[in-house]
C-alpha atoms as a PDB file:
ATOM      1  CA  MET A   1      89.957  65.646 129.940  1.00  0.00           C
ATOM      2  CA  GLY A   2      86.906  67.461 128.634  1.00  0.00           C
ATOM      3  CA  ALA A   3      88.601  70.824 129.180  1.00  0.00           C
ATOM      4  CA  VAL A   4      91.615  69.775 127.101  1.00  0.00           C
ATOM      5  CA  THR A   5      89.416  68.527 124.268  1.00  0.00           C
ATOM      6  CA  LEU A   6      87.377  71.746 124.402  1.00  0.00           C
ATOM      7  CA  LEU A   7      90.545  73.848 124.236  1.00  0.00           C
ATOM      8  CA  LEU A   8      91.847  71.765 121.331  1.00  0.00           C
ATOM      9  CA  TYR A   9      88.789  72.026 119.117  1.00  0.00           C
ATOM     10  CA  GLY A  10      87.743  75.459 120.377  1.00  0.00           C
ATOM     11  CA  SER A  11      91.115  76.982 119.516  1.00  0.00           C
ATOM     12  CA  ALA A  12      91.002  75.293 116.112  1.00  0.00           C
ATOM     13  CA  LEU A  13      87.562  76.806 115.488  1.00  0.00           C
ATOM     14  CA  LEU A  14      88.690  80.297 116.510  1.00  0.00           C
ATOM     15  CA  ASP A  15      92.140  80.282 114.868  1.00  0.00           C
ATOM     16  CA  GLY A  16      91.238  78.226 111.805  1.00  0.00           C
ATOM     17  CA  TRP A  17      93.718  75.469 112.629  1.00  0.00           C
ATOM     18  CA  PHE A  18      94.842  73.048 115.334  1.00  0.00           C
ATOM     19  CA  HIS A  19      97.658  74.402 117.472  1.00  0.00           C
ATOM     20  CA  PRO A  20     100.337  71.691 118.004  1.00  0.00           C
ATOM     21  CA  ARG A  21     100.620  72.346 121.753  1.00  0.00           C
ATOM     22  CA  TRP A  22      96.937  71.601 122.320  1.00  0.00           C
ATOM     23  CA  VAL A  23      97.160  68.478 120.150  1.00  0.00           C
ATOM     24  CA  TRP A  24     100.067  67.196 122.217  1.00  0.00           C
ATOM     25  CA  ALA A  25      98.193  68.105 125.406  1.00  0.00           C
ATOM     26  CA  ASP A  26      95.211  66.096 124.167  1.00  0.00           C
ATOM     27  CA  VAL A  27      97.419  63.111 123.302  1.00  0.00           C
ATOM     28  CA  LEU A  28      99.312  63.120 126.598  1.00  0.00           C
ATOM     29  CA  LEU A  29      96.485  63.954 129.005  1.00  0.00           C
ATOM     30  CA  THR A  30      93.420  62.439 127.346  1.00  0.00           C
ATOM     31  CA  GLY A  31      95.060  59.469 125.653  1.00  0.00           C
ATOM     32  CA  CYS A  32      97.916  58.619 128.028  1.00  0.00           C
ATOM     33  CA  VAL A  33      97.317  60.022 131.525  1.00  0.00           C
ATOM     34  CA  CYS A  34      93.541  59.692 131.964  1.00  0.00           C
ATOM     35  CA  PRO A  35      93.475  55.884 131.542  1.00  0.00           C
ATOM     36  CA  TRP A  36      96.022  55.545 134.384  1.00  0.00           C
ATOM     37  CA  ILE A  37      94.037  57.925 136.579  1.00  0.00           C
ATOM     38  CA  ALA A  38      90.963  55.781 135.935  1.00  0.00           C
ATOM     39  CA  VAL A  39      92.901  52.625 136.848  1.00  0.00           C
ATOM     40  CA  ALA A  40      94.031  54.215 140.120  1.00  0.00           C
ATOM     41  CA  ALA A  41      90.569  55.625 140.902  1.00  0.00           C
ATOM     42  CA  ILE A  42      88.156  52.885 139.863  1.00  0.00           C
ATOM     43  CA  GLY A  43      90.334  49.883 139.097  1.00  0.00           C
ATOM     44  CA  ASP A  44      89.173  47.279 136.620  1.00  0.00           C
ATOM     45  CA  GLY A  45      86.001  47.712 134.721  1.00  0.00           C
ATOM     46  CA  PRO A  46      84.452  48.751 131.462  1.00  0.00           C
ATOM     47  CA  ALA A  47      86.019  52.222 131.657  1.00  0.00           C
ATOM     48  CA  VAL A  48      89.587  50.965 131.161  1.00  0.00           C
ATOM     49  CA  ASP A  49      89.272  47.736 129.192  1.00  0.00           C
ATOM     50  CA  PRO A  50      90.332  47.818 125.492  1.00  0.00           C
ATOM     51  CA  HIS A  51      86.806  48.780 124.448  1.00  0.00           C
ATOM     52  CA  GLY A  52      86.184  51.135 127.376  1.00  0.00           C
ATOM     53  CA  TRP A  53      85.177  54.751 126.949  1.00  0.00           C
ATOM     54  CA  LEU A  54      88.478  56.084 128.360  1.00  0.00           C
ATOM     55  CA  MET A  55      90.561  53.978 125.998  1.00  0.00           C
ATOM     56  CA  VAL A  56      88.436  55.051 123.044  1.00  0.00           C
ATOM     57  CA  GLN A  57      89.548  58.648 123.671  1.00  0.00           C
ATOM     58  CA  ALA A  58      92.785  57.601 121.988  1.00  0.00           C
ATOM     59  CA  LEU A  59      90.924  57.462 118.669  1.00  0.00           C
ATOM     60  CA  SER A  60      90.125  61.201 118.588  1.00  0.00           C
ATOM     61  CA  SER A  61      93.629  62.050 119.830  1.00  0.00           C
ATOM     62  CA  ALA A  62      95.190  59.970 117.045  1.00  0.00           C
ATOM     63  CA  ALA A  63      92.987  61.607 114.410  1.00  0.00           C
ATOM     64  CA  ALA A  64      93.841  65.144 115.557  1.00  0.00           C
ATOM     65  CA  ALA A  65      97.547  64.267 115.696  1.00  0.00           C
ATOM     66  CA  MET A  66      97.526  62.940 112.120  1.00  0.00           C
ATOM     67  CA  VAL A  67      95.973  66.159 110.823  1.00  0.00           C
ATOM     68  CA  ALA A  68      97.984  68.688 112.838  1.00  0.00           C
ATOM     69  CA  LEU A  69     101.401  67.159 113.576  1.00  0.00           C
ATOM     70  CA  GLY A  70     102.512  65.754 110.232  1.00  0.00           C
ATOM     71  CA  LEU A  71     103.671  62.203 109.603  1.00  0.00           C
ATOM     72  CA  ARG A  72     106.562  62.161 112.071  1.00  0.00           C
ATOM     73  CA  GLY A  73     104.645  63.858 114.893  1.00  0.00           C
ATOM     74  CA  ALA A  74     101.587  61.695 114.277  1.00  0.00           C
ATOM     75  CA  ALA A  75     103.720  58.534 114.335  1.00  0.00           C
ATOM     76  CA  TRP A  76     105.138  59.472 117.764  1.00  0.00           C
ATOM     77  CA  ALA A  77     101.671  60.335 119.054  1.00  0.00           C
ATOM     78  CA  VAL A  78     100.175  57.035 117.871  1.00  0.00           C
ATOM     79  CA  LEU A  79     103.134  55.154 119.382  1.00  0.00           C
ATOM     80  CA  LEU A  80     102.508  56.836 122.760  1.00  0.00           C
ATOM     81  CA  LEU A  81      98.794  56.000 122.596  1.00  0.00           C
ATOM     82  CA  LEU A  82      99.427  52.362 121.717  1.00  0.00           C
ATOM     83  CA  SER A  83     102.070  52.043 124.443  1.00  0.00           C
ATOM     84  CA  THR A  84      99.586  53.402 126.979  1.00  0.00           C
ATOM     85  CA  SER A  85      96.934  50.952 125.796  1.00  0.00           C
ATOM     86  CA  LEU A  86      99.381  48.057 126.099  1.00  0.00           C
ATOM     87  CA  SER A  87     100.422  49.117 129.613  1.00  0.00           C
ATOM     88  CA  VAL A  88      96.862  49.566 130.831  1.00  0.00           C
ATOM     89  CA  TYR A  89      95.946  46.243 129.198  1.00  0.00           C
ATOM     90  CA  GLY A  90      98.327  44.537 131.610  1.00  0.00           C
ATOM     91  CA  THR A  91      96.295  45.785 134.595  1.00  0.00           C
ATOM     92  CA  VAL A  92      92.913  44.569 133.321  1.00  0.00           C
ATOM     93  CA  ALA A  93      91.584  41.361 134.874  1.00  0.00           C
ATOM     94  CA  ASN A  94      91.196  38.501 132.415  1.00  0.00           C
ATOM     95  CA  PRO A  95      92.561  40.397 129.394  1.00  0.00           C
ATOM     96  CA  THR A  96      91.959  39.007 125.940  1.00  0.00           C
ATOM     97  CA  LEU A  97      94.416  39.501 123.110  1.00  0.00           C
ATOM     98  CA  PRO A  98      91.746  39.911 120.391  1.00  0.00           C
ATOM     99  CA  ALA A  99      90.201  42.838 122.304  1.00  0.00           C
ATOM    100  CA  LEU A 100      93.591  44.536 122.564  1.00  0.00           C
ATOM    101  CA  LEU A 101      94.299  43.976 118.884  1.00  0.00           C
ATOM    102  CA  ASP A 102      90.891  45.425 118.057  1.00  0.00           C
ATOM    103  CA  HIS A 103      91.798  48.520 120.021  1.00  0.00           C
ATOM    104  CA  PHE A 104      95.194  48.819 118.294  1.00  0.00           C
ATOM    105  CA  THR A 105      93.485  48.458 114.922  1.00  0.00           C
ATOM    106  CA  ALA A 106      90.907  51.132 115.806  1.00  0.00           C
ATOM    107  CA  VAL A 107      93.586  53.664 116.821  1.00  0.00           C
ATOM    108  CA  ILE A 108      95.624  53.064 113.659  1.00  0.00           C
ATOM    109  CA  GLU A 109      92.520  53.199 111.459  1.00  0.00           C
ATOM    110  CA  ALA A 110      91.398  56.475 113.065  1.00  0.00           C
ATOM    111  CA  ALA A 111      94.786  58.021 112.324  1.00  0.00           C
ATOM    112  CA  ALA A 112      94.865  56.629 108.778  1.00  0.00           C
ATOM    113  CA  LEU A 113      91.336  57.766 107.922  1.00  0.00           C
ATOM    114  CA  ALA A 114      91.981  61.255 109.294  1.00  0.00           C
ATOM    115  CA  GLY A 115      95.214  61.462 107.293  1.00  0.00           C
ATOM    116  CA  ALA A 116      93.529  60.247 104.112  1.00  0.00           C
ATOM    117  CA  GLY A 117      90.657  62.697 104.551  1.00  0.00           C
ATOM    118  CA  TRP A 118      93.055  65.572 105.170  1.00  0.00           C
ATOM    119  CA  TRP A 119      95.131  64.651 102.111  1.00  0.00           C
ATOM    120  CA  TYR A 120      91.995  64.505  99.949  1.00  0.00           C
ATOM    121  CA  LEU A 121      90.743  67.890 101.161  1.00  0.00           C
ATOM    122  CA  ARG A 122      94.136  69.487 100.569  1.00  0.00           C
ATOM    123  CA  ARG A 123      94.321  68.055  97.053  1.00  0.00           C
ATOM    124  CA  GLN A 124      90.822  69.275  96.211  1.00  0.00           C
ATOM    125  CA  GLY A 125      91.615  72.686  97.688  1.00  0.00           C
ATOM    126  CA  SER A 126      94.779  72.917  95.592  1.00  0.00           C
ATOM    127  CA  ARG A 127      92.811  72.030  92.479  1.00  0.00           C
ATOM    128  CA  LEU A 128      90.217  74.693  93.257  1.00  0.00           C
ATOM    129  CA  ASP A 129      92.942  77.286  93.878  1.00  0.00           C
ATOM    130  CA  LEU A 130      94.593  76.375  90.573  1.00  0.00           C
ATOM    131  CA  ALA A 131      91.284  76.581  88.704  1.00  0.00           C
ATOM    132  CA  GLN A 132      90.525  79.970  90.264  1.00  0.00           C
ATOM    133  CA  LYS A 133      94.003  81.232  89.389  1.00  0.00           C
ATOM    134  CA  ARG A 134      93.579  80.129  85.779  1.00  0.00           C
ATOM    135  CA  ALA A 135      90.162  81.809  85.626  1.00  0.00           C
ATOM    136  CA  VAL A 136      91.630  85.052  86.972  1.00  0.00           C
ATOM    137  CA  VAL A 137      94.467  84.912  84.449  1.00  0.00           C
ATOM    138  CA  ALA A 138      92.015  84.259  81.601  1.00  0.00           C
ATOM    139  CA  GLU A 139      89.735  87.098  82.728  1.00  0.00           C
ATOM    140  CA  SER A 140      92.725  89.422  83.033  1.00  0.00           C
ATOM    141  CA  ALA A 141      93.792  88.515  79.506  1.00  0.00           C
ATOM    142  CA  ARG A 142      90.281  89.221  78.196  1.00  0.00           C
ATOM    143  CA  ALA A 143      90.173  92.526  80.070  1.00  0.00           C
ATOM    144  CA  ARG A 144      93.564  93.551  78.682  1.00  0.00           C
ATOM    145  CA  GLN A 145      92.455  92.688  75.178  1.00  0.00           C
ATOM    146  CA  ALA A 146      89.235  94.693  75.569  1.00  0.00           C
ATOM    147  CA  GLU A 147      91.088  97.702  76.952  1.00  0.00           C
ATOM    148  CA  ARG A 148      93.700  97.434  74.208  1.00  0.00           C
ATOM    149  CA  ALA A 149      90.992  97.404  71.543  1.00  0.00           C
ATOM    150  CA  ALA A 150      89.326 100.446  73.132  1.00  0.00           C
ATOM    151  CA  HIS A 151      92.592 102.368  73.172  1.00  0.00           C
ATOM    152  CA  TYR A 152      93.373 101.382  69.591  1.00  0.00           C
ATOM    153  CA  ALA A 153      89.985 102.773  68.575  1.00  0.00           C
ATOM    154  CA  ALA A 154      90.664 105.986  70.488  1.00  0.00           C
ATOM    155  CA  LEU A 155      94.083 106.351  68.879  1.00  0.00           C
ATOM    156  CA  HIS A 156      92.544 105.766  65.462  1.00  0.00           C
ATOM    157  CA  ASP A 157      89.934 108.452  66.021  1.00  0.00           C
ATOM    158  CA  THR A 158      92.317 111.031  67.493  1.00  0.00           C
ATOM    159  CA  VAL A 159      96.073 110.816  66.991  1.00  0.00           C
ATOM    160  CA  LEU A 160      96.004 108.825  63.755  1.00  0.00           C
ATOM    161  CA  ALA A 161      93.282 111.019  62.284  1.00  0.00           C
ATOM    162  CA  THR A 162      95.249 114.171  63.095  1.00  0.00           C
ATOM    163  CA  LEU A 163      98.495 112.800  61.653  1.00  0.00           C
ATOM    164  CA  THR A 164      96.722 111.598  58.512  1.00  0.00           C
ATOM    165  CA  THR A 165      95.133 115.011  57.976  1.00  0.00           C
ATOM    166  CA  ILE A 166      98.450 116.810  58.430  1.00  0.00           C
ATOM    167  CA  ALA A 167     100.287 114.344  56.172  1.00  0.00           C
ATOM    168  CA  ALA A 168      97.681 114.821  53.419  1.00  0.00           C
ATOM    169  CA  GLY A 169      98.264 118.564  53.535  1.00  0.00           C
ATOM    170  CA  ARG A 170      94.607 119.334  54.175  1.00  0.00           C
ATOM    171  CA  VAL A 171      95.394 121.600  57.143  1.00  0.00           C
ATOM    172  CA  ASP A 172      98.166 123.977  58.072  1.00  0.00           C
ATOM    173  CA  ALA A 173     100.139 122.337  60.873  1.00  0.00           C
ATOM    174  CA  ASN A 174     101.311 125.737  62.131  1.00  0.00           C
ATOM    175  CA  THR A 175      97.870 127.055  63.020  1.00  0.00           C
ATOM    176  CA  PRO A 176      97.127 127.490  66.745  1.00  0.00           C
ATOM    177  CA  ALA A 177      94.130 125.127  66.578  1.00  0.00           C
ATOM    178  CA  VAL A 178      96.159 122.284  65.091  1.00  0.00           C
ATOM    179  CA  ARG A 179      99.024 122.858  67.521  1.00  0.00           C
ATOM    180  CA  ASP A 180      96.622 122.792  70.467  1.00  0.00           C
ATOM    181  CA  ARG A 181      95.065 119.583  69.221  1.00  0.00           C
ATOM    182  CA  CYS A 182      98.476 117.965  68.758  1.00  0.00           C
ATOM    183  CA  ALA A 183      99.460 119.029  72.280  1.00  0.00           C
ATOM    184  CA  ARG A 184      96.306 117.478  73.748  1.00  0.00           C
ATOM    185  CA  GLU A 185      96.828 114.226  71.902  1.00  0.00           C
ATOM    186  CA  ALA A 186     100.512 114.098  72.848  1.00  0.00           C
ATOM    187  CA  ALA A 187      99.479 114.476  76.500  1.00  0.00           C
ATOM    188  CA  TYR A 188      96.982 111.645  76.025  1.00  0.00           C
ATOM    189  CA  LEU A 189      99.690 109.400  74.578  1.00  0.00           C
ATOM    190  CA  ARG A 190     102.020 110.137  77.495  1.00  0.00           C
ATOM    191  CA  ARG A 191      99.327 109.277  80.017  1.00  0.00           C
ATOM    192  CA  LEU A 192      98.444 106.125  78.098  1.00  0.00           C
ATOM    193  CA  VAL A 193     102.062 104.950  78.160  1.00  0.00           C
ATOM    194  CA  GLN A 194     102.305 105.793  81.853  1.00  0.00           C
ATOM    195  CA  ALA A 195      99.162 103.832  82.639  1.00  0.00           C
ATOM    196  CA  TYR A 196     100.604 100.677  81.076  1.00  0.00           C
ATOM    197  CA  GLU A 197     103.976 101.153  82.745  1.00  0.00           C
ATOM    198  CA  GLU A 198     102.685 101.822  86.283  1.00  0.00           C
ATOM    199  CA  PRO A 199     101.343  98.328  87.067  1.00  0.00           C
ATOM    200  CA  HIS A 200     104.636  96.745  85.961  1.00  0.00           C
ATOM    201  CA  ARG A 201     106.645  99.012  88.225  1.00  0.00           C
ATOM    202  CA  HIS A 202     104.482  98.510  91.303  1.00  0.00           C
ATOM    203  CA  SER A 203     103.447  94.876  91.180  1.00  0.00           C
ATOM    204  CA  GLY A 204     105.251  93.221  88.291  1.00  0.00           C
ATOM    205  CA  LEU A 205     101.940  92.300  86.629  1.00  0.00           C
ATOM    206  CA  PRO A 206      99.613  94.328  84.415  1.00  0.00           C
ATOM    207  CA  ALA A 207      96.571  95.450  86.395  1.00  0.00           C
ATOM    208  CA  ALA A 208      94.116  94.805  83.598  1.00  0.00           C
ATOM    209  CA  GLY A 209      90.995  95.574  85.612  1.00  0.00           C
ATOM    210  CA  ALA A 210      92.435  98.902  86.756  1.00  0.00           C
ATOM    211  CA  MET A 211      92.537 100.107  83.155  1.00  0.00           C
ATOM    212  CA  GLY A 212      88.768 100.643  83.362  1.00  0.00           C
ATOM    213  CA  THR A 213      89.301 103.101  86.221  1.00  0.00           C
ATOM    214  CA  TRP A 214      92.110 104.814  84.342  1.00  0.00           C
ATOM    215  CA  ALA A 215      90.059 105.052  81.140  1.00  0.00           C
ATOM    216  CA  ALA A 216      87.118 106.694  82.921  1.00  0.00           C
ATOM    217  CA  LEU A 217      89.323 109.282  84.623  1.00  0.00           C
ATOM    218  CA  GLU A 218      91.235 109.867  81.392  1.00  0.00           C
ATOM    219  CA  GLU A 219      87.977 110.484  79.564  1.00  0.00           C
ATOM    220  CA  ALA A 220      87.118 113.166  82.131  1.00  0.00           C
ATOM    221  CA  ALA A 221      90.516 114.787  81.550  1.00  0.00           C
ATOM    222  CA  ARG A 222      90.169 114.673  77.782  1.00  0.00           C
ATOM    223  CA  SER A 223      86.672 116.115  77.981  1.00  0.00           C
ATOM    224  CA  ALA A 224      88.052 119.097  79.902  1.00  0.00           C
ATOM    225  CA  GLU A 225      90.909 119.432  77.404  1.00  0.00           C
ATOM    226  CA  SER A 226      88.410 119.586  74.553  1.00  0.00           C
ATOM    227  CA  LEU A 227      87.053 122.752  76.179  1.00  0.00           C
ATOM    228  CA  GLY A 228      90.490 124.359  76.151  1.00  0.00           C
ATOM    229  CA  LEU A 229      91.782 123.428  79.607  1.00  0.00           C
ATOM    230  CA  LYS A 230      95.225 121.863  79.742  1.00  0.00           C
ATOM    231  CA  VAL A 231      95.333 118.925  82.175  1.00  0.00           C
ATOM    232  CA  THR A 232      98.579 117.591  83.609  1.00  0.00           C
ATOM    233  CA  ALA A 233      97.774 114.124  84.935  1.00  0.00           C
ATOM    234  CA  GLN A 234      99.761 111.733  87.110  1.00  0.00           C
ATOM    235  CA  TYR A 235      98.591 108.160  87.809  1.00  0.00           C
ATOM    236  CA  ASP A 236     100.106 105.926  90.460  1.00  0.00           C
ATOM    237  CA  ALA A 237      98.985 102.316  91.130  1.00  0.00           C
ATOM    238  CA  VAL A 238      95.433 102.901  89.916  1.00  0.00           C
ATOM    239  CA  PRO A 239      93.225 100.121  91.394  1.00  0.00           C
ATOM    240  CA  ASP A 240      90.323  98.203  89.918  1.00  0.00           C
ATOM    241  CA  LEU A 241      87.101  99.617  91.363  1.00  0.00           C
ATOM    242  CA  PRO A 242      83.387  98.717  91.237  1.00  0.00           C
ATOM    243  CA  ARG A 243      81.607 100.087  88.185  1.00  0.00           C
ATOM    244  CA  GLU A 244      79.337 102.446  90.143  1.00  0.00           C
ATOM    245  CA  VAL A 245      82.330 103.869  92.002  1.00  0.00           C
ATOM    246  CA  VAL A 246      84.206 104.455  88.740  1.00  0.00           C
ATOM    247  CA  HIS A 247      81.248 106.275  87.187  1.00  0.00           C
ATOM    248  CA  ALA A 248      80.670 108.524  90.200  1.00  0.00           C
ATOM    249  CA  LEU A 249      84.377 109.250  90.619  1.00  0.00           C
ATOM    250  CA  ALA A 250      84.824 110.146  86.940  1.00  0.00           C
ATOM    251  CA  ALA A 251      81.754 112.424  87.067  1.00  0.00           C
ATOM    252  CA  ALA A 252      83.107 114.169  90.174  1.00  0.00           C
ATOM    253  CA  VAL A 253      86.502 114.674  88.511  1.00  0.00           C
ATOM    254  CA  SER A 254      84.807 116.028  85.391  1.00  0.00           C
ATOM    255  CA  GLU A 255      82.841 118.536  87.455  1.00  0.00           C
ATOM    256  CA  ALA A 256      85.941 119.606  89.373  1.00  0.00           C
ATOM    257  CA  LEU A 257      87.804 120.202  86.083  1.00  0.00           C
ATOM    258  CA  ASN A 258      84.824 122.098  84.693  1.00  0.00           C
ATOM    259  CA  ASN A 259      84.964 124.367  87.727  1.00  0.00           C
ATOM    260  CA  VAL A 260      88.611 125.075  86.994  1.00  0.00           C
ATOM    261  CA  HIS A 261      87.753 125.906  83.386  1.00  0.00           C
ATOM    262  CA  GLN A 262      84.810 128.135  84.259  1.00  0.00           C
ATOM    263  CA  HIS A 263      85.900 129.871  87.458  1.00  0.00           C
ATOM    264  CA  ALA A 264      89.624 129.545  88.178  1.00  0.00           C
ATOM    265  CA  GLN A 265      90.814 131.876  85.379  1.00  0.00           C
ATOM    266  CA  THR A 266      93.778 129.624  84.616  1.00  0.00           C
ATOM    267  CA  PRO A 267      94.447 127.437  81.559  1.00  0.00           C
ATOM    268  CA  LEU A 268      96.098 124.627  83.567  1.00  0.00           C
ATOM    269  CA  ALA A 269      94.774 121.998  85.976  1.00  0.00           C
ATOM    270  CA  TYR A 270      96.552 119.172  87.746  1.00  0.00           C
ATOM    271  CA  LEU A 271      95.007 115.704  88.157  1.00  0.00           C
ATOM    272  CA  THR A 272      96.696 113.263  90.536  1.00  0.00           C
ATOM    273  CA  VAL A 273      95.418 109.720  91.064  1.00  0.00           C
ATOM    274  CA  PHE A 274      96.907 107.078  93.311  1.00  0.00           C
ATOM    275  CA  GLY A 275      95.669 103.874  94.838  1.00  0.00           C
ATOM    276  CA  ASN A 276      95.941 102.944  98.487  1.00  0.00           C
ATOM    277  CA  THR A 277      95.000  99.861 100.460  1.00  0.00           C
ATOM    278  CA  GLY A 278      91.536  98.956  99.237  1.00  0.00           C
ATOM    279  CA  GLY A 279      90.719 102.358  97.755  1.00  0.00           C
ATOM    280  CA  ILE A 280      91.715 105.392  95.739  1.00  0.00           C
ATOM    281  CA  GLU A 281      92.534 109.059  96.260  1.00  0.00           C
ATOM    282  CA  VAL A 282      92.155 111.693  93.546  1.00  0.00           C
ATOM    283  CA  ALA A 283      93.187 115.346  93.643  1.00  0.00           C
ATOM    284  CA  VAL A 284      92.229 118.091  91.188  1.00  0.00           C
ATOM    285  CA  ALA A 285      94.249 121.253  91.745  1.00  0.00           C
ATOM    286  CA  ASP A 286      94.747 124.601  90.062  1.00  0.00           C
ATOM    287  CA  ARG A 287      96.683 127.797  90.674  1.00  0.00           C
ATOM    288  CA  GLY A 288      93.850 130.080  89.765  1.00  0.00           C
ATOM    289  CA  ILE A 289      92.124 132.860  91.609  1.00  0.00           C
ATOM    290  CA  GLY A 290      90.634 130.591  94.263  1.00  0.00           C
ATOM    291  CA  PHE A 291      87.694 131.546  96.475  1.00  0.00           C
ATOM    292  CA  ASP A 292      86.607 131.874 100.066  1.00  0.00           C
ATOM    293  CA  THR A 293      85.117 128.525 101.131  1.00  0.00           C
ATOM    294  CA  SER A 294      83.206 130.219 103.945  1.00  0.00           C
ATOM    295  CA  ASP A 295      81.328 132.372 101.444  1.00  0.00           C
ATOM    296  CA  GLU A 296      77.797 130.997 101.155  1.00  0.00           C
ATOM    297  CA  SER A 297      77.647 131.936  97.476  1.00  0.00           C
ATOM    298  CA  HIS A 298      80.326 129.334  96.782  1.00  0.00           C
ATOM    299  CA  ARG A 299      78.911 126.651  99.043  1.00  0.00           C
ATOM    300  CA  HIS A 300      75.855 126.070  96.904  1.00  0.00           C
ATOM    301  CA  ALA A 301      75.170 125.749  93.202  1.00  0.00           C
ATOM    302  CA  GLY A 302      77.518 128.559  92.212  1.00  0.00           C
ATOM    303  CA  THR A 303      80.482 126.235  91.779  1.00  0.00           C
ATOM    304  CA  GLY A 304      78.600 122.956  91.429  1.00  0.00           C
ATOM    305  CA  LEU A 305      80.870 121.328  93.978  1.00  0.00           C
ATOM    306  CA  ARG A 306      78.197 120.687  96.589  1.00  0.00           C
ATOM    307  CA  ARG A 307      75.782 118.999  94.235  1.00  0.00           C
ATOM    308  CA  SER A 308      78.016 117.331  91.659  1.00  0.00           C
ATOM    309  CA  VAL A 309      81.117 116.492  93.689  1.00  0.00           C
ATOM    310  CA  HIS A 310      80.170 116.136  97.360  1.00  0.00           C
ATOM    311  CA  GLY A 311      76.843 114.526  96.505  1.00  0.00           C
ATOM    312  CA  ARG A 312      78.284 111.974  94.100  1.00  0.00           C
ATOM    313  CA  MET A 313      81.062 110.941  96.462  1.00  0.00           C
ATOM    314  CA  ALA A 314      78.693 110.649  99.424  1.00  0.00           C
ATOM    315  CA  ALA A 315      76.355 108.444  97.367  1.00  0.00           C
ATOM    316  CA  ILE A 316      79.088 105.805  96.881  1.00  0.00           C
ATOM    317  CA  GLY A 317      80.432 105.964 100.426  1.00  0.00           C
ATOM    318  CA  GLY A 318      83.271 108.294  99.535  1.00  0.00           C
ATOM    319  CA  LYS A 319      84.309 111.745 100.659  1.00  0.00           C
ATOM    320  CA  ALA A 320      85.151 115.040  98.968  1.00  0.00           C
ATOM    321  CA  GLU A 321      87.068 117.935 100.505  1.00  0.00           C
ATOM    322  CA  VAL A 322      87.625 121.379  98.988  1.00  0.00           C
ATOM    323  CA  ASP A 323      90.469 123.630 100.078  1.00  0.00           C
ATOM    324  CA  SER A 324      90.685 127.066  98.510  1.00  0.00           C
ATOM    325  CA  ARG A 325      91.774 130.601  99.349  1.00  0.00           C
ATOM    326  CA  PRO A 326      91.494 133.756  97.281  1.00  0.00           C
ATOM    327  CA  GLY A 327      94.573 134.122  95.115  1.00  0.00           C
ATOM    328  CA  GLU A 328      95.985 130.705  96.076  1.00  0.00           C
ATOM    329  CA  GLY A 329      94.080 128.323  93.824  1.00  0.00           C
ATOM    330  CA  THR A 330      91.812 125.416  94.677  1.00  0.00           C
ATOM    331  CA  LEU A 331      92.369 121.802  95.682  1.00  0.00           C
ATOM    332  CA  VAL A 332      89.573 119.243  95.419  1.00  0.00           C
ATOM    333  CA  GLU A 333      90.378 115.919  97.106  1.00  0.00           C
ATOM    334  CA  LEU A 334      88.259 112.830  96.465  1.00  0.00           C
ATOM    335  CA  ARG A 335      88.606 109.690  98.539  1.00  0.00           C
ATOM    336  CA  TRP A 336      86.950 106.280  98.313  1.00  0.00           C
ATOM    337  CA  PRO A 337      86.062 104.723 100.629  1.00  0.00           C
ATOM    338  CA  ALA A 338      85.637 107.667 102.980  1.00  0.00           C
END
């Protein structure tokens, strides 16, 4: 009897819920079989009368059945327990009807109280889940509004300013400098549109928090473009990340792009960002002159990768890998968590 009860509540503690087979085992063995074993072993006495300790085991069995078996299963379990009590009652010397009725009432009350408590906890849990969901929706809406305002400000200061200047005739739109600036801002607009479209395609909902990650990486790309490097960026399911991770990741990307600009002898770099389960992977690639990664002159401050990329990623629990060969370009891969 004790082993069955231990299995019932022990499995519930480990698995997070009562398993129906152990509940039925508790009802049948503890509540229905054990009283008859006691009758056969010790006969009449306080152990098997309506208030006896063996009969009281039916109370815990009824409570567990009400919680784990649903209304129909609990009703059958309580019926079995009451039938056993009535049968054993017939074997007790000098039985009294009030004592039996007290026992019946106790079993039914135990089941009813357990059911009422379970219903109350479920209702409160549902209310808490609903409140949390509403809070998440409200926070997402605030985050989207903040990101939208930031992008509007960026568009005002870049694309709109350029178009206004050209429309006013204050600059020659055919000059190389103006064309380069228009190309950079057109690339920014394409990436901005892509960033808003990606969450819809992957999850059906805008990932408002992930826009902070996208904005930080985009700022690193635009900073490199302001130096004359053309960045072709691709974003896929960008996740929302902790602030310190975003800052370190954006700084590492910025340094990797600066290395392309300063050392790769190519005007084009490729930035690829995609989210995975619980993390992010970023790649910065170029088709420049490359270098020998075994050369000690490139493993230290010469390229800045060791200090600014590897160090930053290691500080946040991430990892950076550099793959390069002379004449074949360079690939810098950033991964968080490592």
